[in-house]
């Protein structure tokens, strides 16, 4: 199998369930890390149905382990009567050295950890975790201005090509 075929099959294997688009607007993304996530059976079913939200979610290191807080996974409707809290804290799976490195950056530089997406890769639920620094209001305004300028350039190019 050639490298091109391997890369194409990798893209097919990823199914994005939820994204945190607001995080890209509110934060400067310094680094991205892929982690596994510990889920129960009904939570996996619910994720496969696309019932998740990362709006206010964040990650923290506690007792040397990484945890995801405030990620909302809607309870699966066909599960048995005992349902779990949709906002419960979930353990993230990462190597010990990665967790130590992230913890060091969070402590010394005042950064935060925010999930950017939840997706399935080769049948396993993954969380794309970002090490972020908060943006100031003027940074957000600059981003909006830059986006509008790019949109205007695309419109002008399209009119010119037509």
C-alpha atoms as a PDB file:
ATOM      1  CA  UNK A   1       0.000   0.000   0.000  1.00  0.00           C
ATOM      2  CA  UNK A   2       1.412   3.419  -0.902  1.00  0.00           C
ATOM      3  CA  UNK A   3       1.637   6.386   1.483  1.00  0.00           C
ATOM      4  CA  UNK A   4      -1.134   8.192  -0.386  1.00  0.00           C
ATOM      5  CA  UNK A   5      -3.554   5.298   0.125  1.00  0.00           C
ATOM      6  CA  UNK A   6      -2.667   5.118   3.838  1.00  0.00           C
ATOM      7  CA  UNK A   7      -3.300   8.845   4.262  1.00  0.00           C
ATOM      8  CA  UNK A   8      -6.632   8.591   2.458  1.00  0.00           C
ATOM      9  CA  UNK A   9      -7.801   5.737   4.678  1.00  0.00           C
ATOM     10  CA  UNK A  10      -6.827   7.735   7.806  1.00  0.00           C
ATOM     11  CA  UNK A  11      -9.077  10.602   6.737  1.00  0.00           C
ATOM     12  CA  UNK A  12     -12.001   8.225   6.247  1.00  0.00           C
ATOM     13  CA  UNK A  13     -11.537   6.776   9.733  1.00  0.00           C
ATOM     14  CA  UNK A  14     -12.159  10.114  11.523  1.00  0.00           C
ATOM     15  CA  UNK A  15     -15.762  11.072  12.320  1.00  0.00           C
ATOM     16  CA  UNK A  16     -16.078  14.419  14.113  1.00  0.00           C
ATOM     17  CA  UNK A  17     -18.846  14.410  16.735  1.00  0.00           C
ATOM     18  CA  UNK A  18     -18.548  17.877  18.308  1.00  0.00           C
ATOM     19  CA  UNK A  19     -16.322  20.918  17.849  1.00  0.00           C
ATOM     20  CA  UNK A  20     -15.603  23.919  20.043  1.00  0.00           C
ATOM     21  CA  UNK A  21     -15.515  26.651  17.402  1.00  0.00           C
ATOM     22  CA  UNK A  22     -15.671  29.393  20.002  1.00  0.00           C
ATOM     23  CA  UNK A  23     -12.323  28.262  21.441  1.00  0.00           C
ATOM     24  CA  UNK A  24     -10.522  29.211  18.233  1.00  0.00           C
ATOM     25  CA  UNK A  25     -12.001  32.712  18.510  1.00  0.00           C
ATOM     26  CA  UNK A  26     -11.478  33.209  22.254  1.00  0.00           C
ATOM     27  CA  UNK A  27      -7.963  31.761  22.614  1.00  0.00           C
ATOM     28  CA  UNK A  28      -4.521  31.701  21.025  1.00  0.00           C
ATOM     29  CA  UNK A  29      -3.859  28.003  20.420  1.00  0.00           C
ATOM     30  CA  UNK A  30      -0.286  27.178  21.374  1.00  0.00           C
ATOM     31  CA  UNK A  31      -0.271  23.383  21.086  1.00  0.00           C
ATOM     32  CA  UNK A  32      -2.693  20.559  20.222  1.00  0.00           C
ATOM     33  CA  UNK A  33      -2.703  17.065  21.720  1.00  0.00           C
ATOM     34  CA  UNK A  34      -4.848  14.023  20.899  1.00  0.00           C
ATOM     35  CA  UNK A  35      -6.067  12.119  23.948  1.00  0.00           C
ATOM     36  CA  UNK A  36      -8.338   9.171  24.533  1.00  0.00           C
ATOM     37  CA  UNK A  37     -11.376   9.508  26.777  1.00  0.00           C
ATOM     38  CA  UNK A  38     -12.921   7.045  29.250  1.00  0.00           C
ATOM     39  CA  UNK A  39     -16.648   6.648  28.532  1.00  0.00           C
ATOM     40  CA  UNK A  40     -19.475   4.313  29.475  1.00  0.00           C
ATOM     41  CA  UNK A  41     -21.379   2.296  26.854  1.00  0.00           C
ATOM     42  CA  UNK A  42     -24.424   4.605  26.651  1.00  0.00           C
ATOM     43  CA  UNK A  43     -22.133   7.642  26.332  1.00  0.00           C
ATOM     44  CA  UNK A  44     -20.419   6.067  23.328  1.00  0.00           C
ATOM     45  CA  UNK A  45     -23.815   5.396  21.724  1.00  0.00           C
ATOM     46  CA  UNK A  46     -24.844   8.979  22.376  1.00  0.00           C
ATOM     47  CA  UNK A  47     -21.603  10.291  20.837  1.00  0.00           C
ATOM     48  CA  UNK A  48     -22.133   8.135  17.751  1.00  0.00           C
ATOM     49  CA  UNK A  49     -25.541   9.818  17.444  1.00  0.00           C
ATOM     50  CA  UNK A  50     -23.804  13.224  17.595  1.00  0.00           C
ATOM     51  CA  UNK A  51     -25.266  14.299  20.942  1.00  0.00           C
ATOM     52  CA  UNK A  52     -22.370  16.210  22.519  1.00  0.00           C
ATOM     53  CA  UNK A  53     -21.379  19.801  23.228  1.00  0.00           C
ATOM     54  CA  UNK A  54     -18.034  21.302  24.229  1.00  0.00           C
ATOM     55  CA  UNK A  55     -19.240  24.871  24.854  1.00  0.00           C
ATOM     56  CA  UNK A  56     -17.887  25.427  28.379  1.00  0.00           C
ATOM     57  CA  UNK A  57     -15.606  22.408  28.615  1.00  0.00           C
ATOM     58  CA  UNK A  58     -12.064  22.528  29.950  1.00  0.00           C
ATOM     59  CA  UNK A  59      -9.400  20.096  31.144  1.00  0.00           C
ATOM     60  CA  UNK A  60      -7.445  19.956  34.392  1.00  0.00           C
ATOM     61  CA  UNK A  61      -4.693  17.829  35.889  1.00  0.00           C
ATOM     62  CA  UNK A  62      -5.643  16.299  39.246  1.00  0.00           C
ATOM     63  CA  UNK A  63      -3.428  13.854  41.142  1.00  0.00           C
ATOM     64  CA  UNK A  64      -1.245  13.286  38.089  1.00  0.00           C
ATOM     65  CA  UNK A  65      -4.187  12.444  35.800  1.00  0.00           C
ATOM     66  CA  UNK A  66      -5.962  14.499  33.161  1.00  0.00           C
ATOM     67  CA  UNK A  67      -9.729  15.114  33.442  1.00  0.00           C
ATOM     68  CA  UNK A  68     -12.317  16.724  31.154  1.00  0.00           C
ATOM     69  CA  UNK A  69     -14.848  18.939  32.952  1.00  0.00           C
ATOM     70  CA  UNK A  70     -18.221  20.340  31.779  1.00  0.00           C
ATOM     71  CA  UNK A  71     -18.364  18.491  28.451  1.00  0.00           C
ATOM     72  CA  UNK A  72     -22.054  17.764  27.842  1.00  0.00           C
ATOM     73  CA  UNK A  73     -22.909  14.320  26.465  1.00  0.00           C
ATOM     74  CA  UNK A  74     -26.679  13.874  26.272  1.00  0.00           C
ATOM     75  CA  UNK A  75     -27.880  10.632  27.919  1.00  0.00           C
ATOM     76  CA  UNK A  76     -28.657   7.902  25.403  1.00  0.00           C
ATOM     77  CA  UNK A  77     -32.430   7.577  25.072  1.00  0.00           C
ATOM     78  CA  UNK A  78     -32.489   3.760  24.773  1.00  0.00           C
ATOM     79  CA  UNK A  79     -30.217   3.097  27.776  1.00  0.00           C
ATOM     80  CA  UNK A  80     -31.558   1.571  30.985  1.00  0.00           C
ATOM     81  CA  UNK A  81     -33.264   3.777  33.576  1.00  0.00           C
ATOM     82  CA  UNK A  82     -30.149   4.704  35.573  1.00  0.00           C
ATOM     83  CA  UNK A  83     -28.665   7.558  33.575  1.00  0.00           C
ATOM     84  CA  UNK A  84     -25.373   9.303  34.223  1.00  0.00           C
ATOM     85  CA  UNK A  85     -24.927  13.016  34.740  1.00  0.00           C
ATOM     86  CA  UNK A  86     -24.412  14.535  31.257  1.00  0.00           C
ATOM     87  CA  UNK A  87     -21.827  16.985  32.647  1.00  0.00           C
ATOM     88  CA  UNK A  88     -19.850  14.480  34.710  1.00  0.00           C
ATOM     89  CA  UNK A  89     -16.052  14.651  34.839  1.00  0.00           C
ATOM     90  CA  UNK A  90     -14.402  12.220  32.415  1.00  0.00           C
ATOM     91  CA  UNK A  91     -10.845  10.923  32.522  1.00  0.00           C
ATOM     92  CA  UNK A  92      -8.603  11.690  29.545  1.00  0.00           C
ATOM     93  CA  UNK A  93      -5.928   9.211  28.523  1.00  0.00           C
ATOM     94  CA  UNK A  94      -2.451  10.563  27.839  1.00  0.00           C
ATOM     95  CA  UNK A  95       1.111   9.508  28.584  1.00  0.00           C
ATOM     96  CA  UNK A  96       2.498  10.506  31.978  1.00  0.00           C
ATOM     97  CA  UNK A  97       5.261  12.602  30.405  1.00  0.00           C
ATOM     98  CA  UNK A  98       2.723  14.504  28.261  1.00  0.00           C
ATOM     99  CA  UNK A  99       0.615  15.251  31.336  1.00  0.00           C
ATOM    100  CA  UNK A 100       3.682  16.497  33.255  1.00  0.00           C
ATOM    101  CA  UNK A 101       4.717  18.704  30.323  1.00  0.00           C
ATOM    102  CA  UNK A 102       1.211  20.185  30.029  1.00  0.00           C
ATOM    103  CA  UNK A 103       1.008  20.757  33.782  1.00  0.00           C
ATOM    104  CA  UNK A 104       4.351  22.576  33.727  1.00  0.00           C
ATOM    105  CA  UNK A 105       3.219  24.904  30.937  1.00  0.00           C
ATOM    106  CA  UNK A 106      -0.111  25.577  32.622  1.00  0.00           C
ATOM    107  CA  UNK A 107       1.554  26.452  35.929  1.00  0.00           C
ATOM    108  CA  UNK A 108       4.479  28.544  34.709  1.00  0.00           C
ATOM    109  CA  UNK A 109       2.903  30.371  31.768  1.00  0.00           C
ATOM    110  CA  UNK A 110      -0.688  30.790  32.947  1.00  0.00           C
ATOM    111  CA  UNK A 111      -2.202  28.781  30.121  1.00  0.00           C
ATOM    112  CA  UNK A 112      -5.371  26.670  30.048  1.00  0.00           C
ATOM    113  CA  UNK A 113      -6.397  23.393  28.450  1.00  0.00           C
ATOM    114  CA  UNK A 114      -9.524  23.427  26.289  1.00  0.00           C
ATOM    115  CA  UNK A 115     -10.998  20.646  24.130  1.00  0.00           C
ATOM    116  CA  UNK A 116     -11.326  21.609  20.460  1.00  0.00           C
ATOM    117  CA  UNK A 117     -13.176  18.508  19.228  1.00  0.00           C
ATOM    118  CA  UNK A 118     -14.486  15.070  20.086  1.00  0.00           C
ATOM    119  CA  UNK A 119     -14.233  12.530  17.301  1.00  0.00           C
ATOM    120  CA  UNK A 120     -13.973   8.836  16.530  1.00  0.00           C
ATOM    121  CA  UNK A 121     -10.697   7.591  15.089  1.00  0.00           C
ATOM    122  CA  UNK A 122     -10.537   3.937  14.115  1.00  0.00           C
ATOM    123  CA  UNK A 123     -13.580   3.246  16.296  1.00  0.00           C
ATOM    124  CA  UNK A 124     -12.219   4.907  19.442  1.00  0.00           C
ATOM    125  CA  UNK A 125     -13.428   8.185  20.959  1.00  0.00           C
ATOM    126  CA  UNK A 126     -10.720  10.848  21.021  1.00  0.00           C
ATOM    127  CA  UNK A 127     -10.547  14.399  22.344  1.00  0.00           C
ATOM    128  CA  UNK A 128      -8.430  17.027  20.616  1.00  0.00           C
ATOM    129  CA  UNK A 129      -7.062  19.016  23.550  1.00  0.00           C
ATOM    130  CA  UNK A 130      -5.408  22.407  23.076  1.00  0.00           C
ATOM    131  CA  UNK A 131      -3.042  24.324  25.291  1.00  0.00           C
ATOM    132  CA  UNK A 132      -4.357  27.897  25.003  1.00  0.00           C
ATOM    133  CA  UNK A 133      -3.753  31.462  26.115  1.00  0.00           C
ATOM    134  CA  UNK A 134      -6.719  33.842  26.374  1.00  0.00           C
ATOM    135  CA  UNK A 135      -7.120  36.563  23.768  1.00  0.00           C
ATOM    136  CA  UNK A 136      -7.626  40.187  24.675  1.00  0.00           C
ATOM    137  CA  UNK A 137     -10.550  42.140  23.227  1.00  0.00           C
ATOM    138  CA  UNK A 138      -8.308  43.953  20.723  1.00  0.00           C
ATOM    139  CA  UNK A 139      -6.997  40.589  19.459  1.00  0.00           C
ATOM    140  CA  UNK A 140     -10.551  39.432  18.799  1.00  0.00           C
ATOM    141  CA  UNK A 141     -11.314  42.668  16.943  1.00  0.00           C
ATOM    142  CA  UNK A 142      -8.210  42.201  14.792  1.00  0.00           C
ATOM    143  CA  UNK A 143      -9.329  38.658  13.932  1.00  0.00           C
ATOM    144  CA  UNK A 144     -12.779  39.884  12.903  1.00  0.00           C
ATOM    145  CA  UNK A 145     -11.238  42.664  10.797  1.00  0.00           C
ATOM    146  CA  UNK A 146      -8.813  40.232   9.108  1.00  0.00           C
ATOM    147  CA  UNK A 147     -11.632  37.771   8.344  1.00  0.00           C
ATOM    148  CA  UNK A 148     -13.779  40.521   6.799  1.00  0.00           C
ATOM    149  CA  UNK A 149     -10.849  41.687   4.662  1.00  0.00           C
ATOM    150  CA  UNK A 150     -10.225  38.136   3.435  1.00  0.00           C
ATOM    151  CA  UNK A 151     -13.921  37.773   2.612  1.00  0.00           C
ATOM    152  CA  UNK A 152     -13.846  41.026   0.616  1.00  0.00           C
ATOM    153  CA  UNK A 153     -10.733  39.859  -1.279  1.00  0.00           C
ATOM    154  CA  UNK A 154     -12.425  36.551  -2.163  1.00  0.00           C
ATOM    155  CA  UNK A 155     -15.523  38.411  -3.404  1.00  0.00           C
ATOM    156  CA  UNK A 156     -13.407  40.754  -5.526  1.00  0.00           C
ATOM    157  CA  UNK A 157     -11.442  37.831  -6.988  1.00  0.00           C
ATOM    158  CA  UNK A 158     -14.647  35.972  -7.768  1.00  0.00           C
ATOM    159  CA  UNK A 159     -16.150  39.030  -9.522  1.00  0.00           C
ATOM    160  CA  UNK A 160     -12.920  39.508 -11.450  1.00  0.00           C
ATOM    161  CA  UNK A 161     -12.867  35.860 -12.595  1.00  0.00           C
ATOM    162  CA  UNK A 162     -16.536  35.876 -13.681  1.00  0.00           C
END
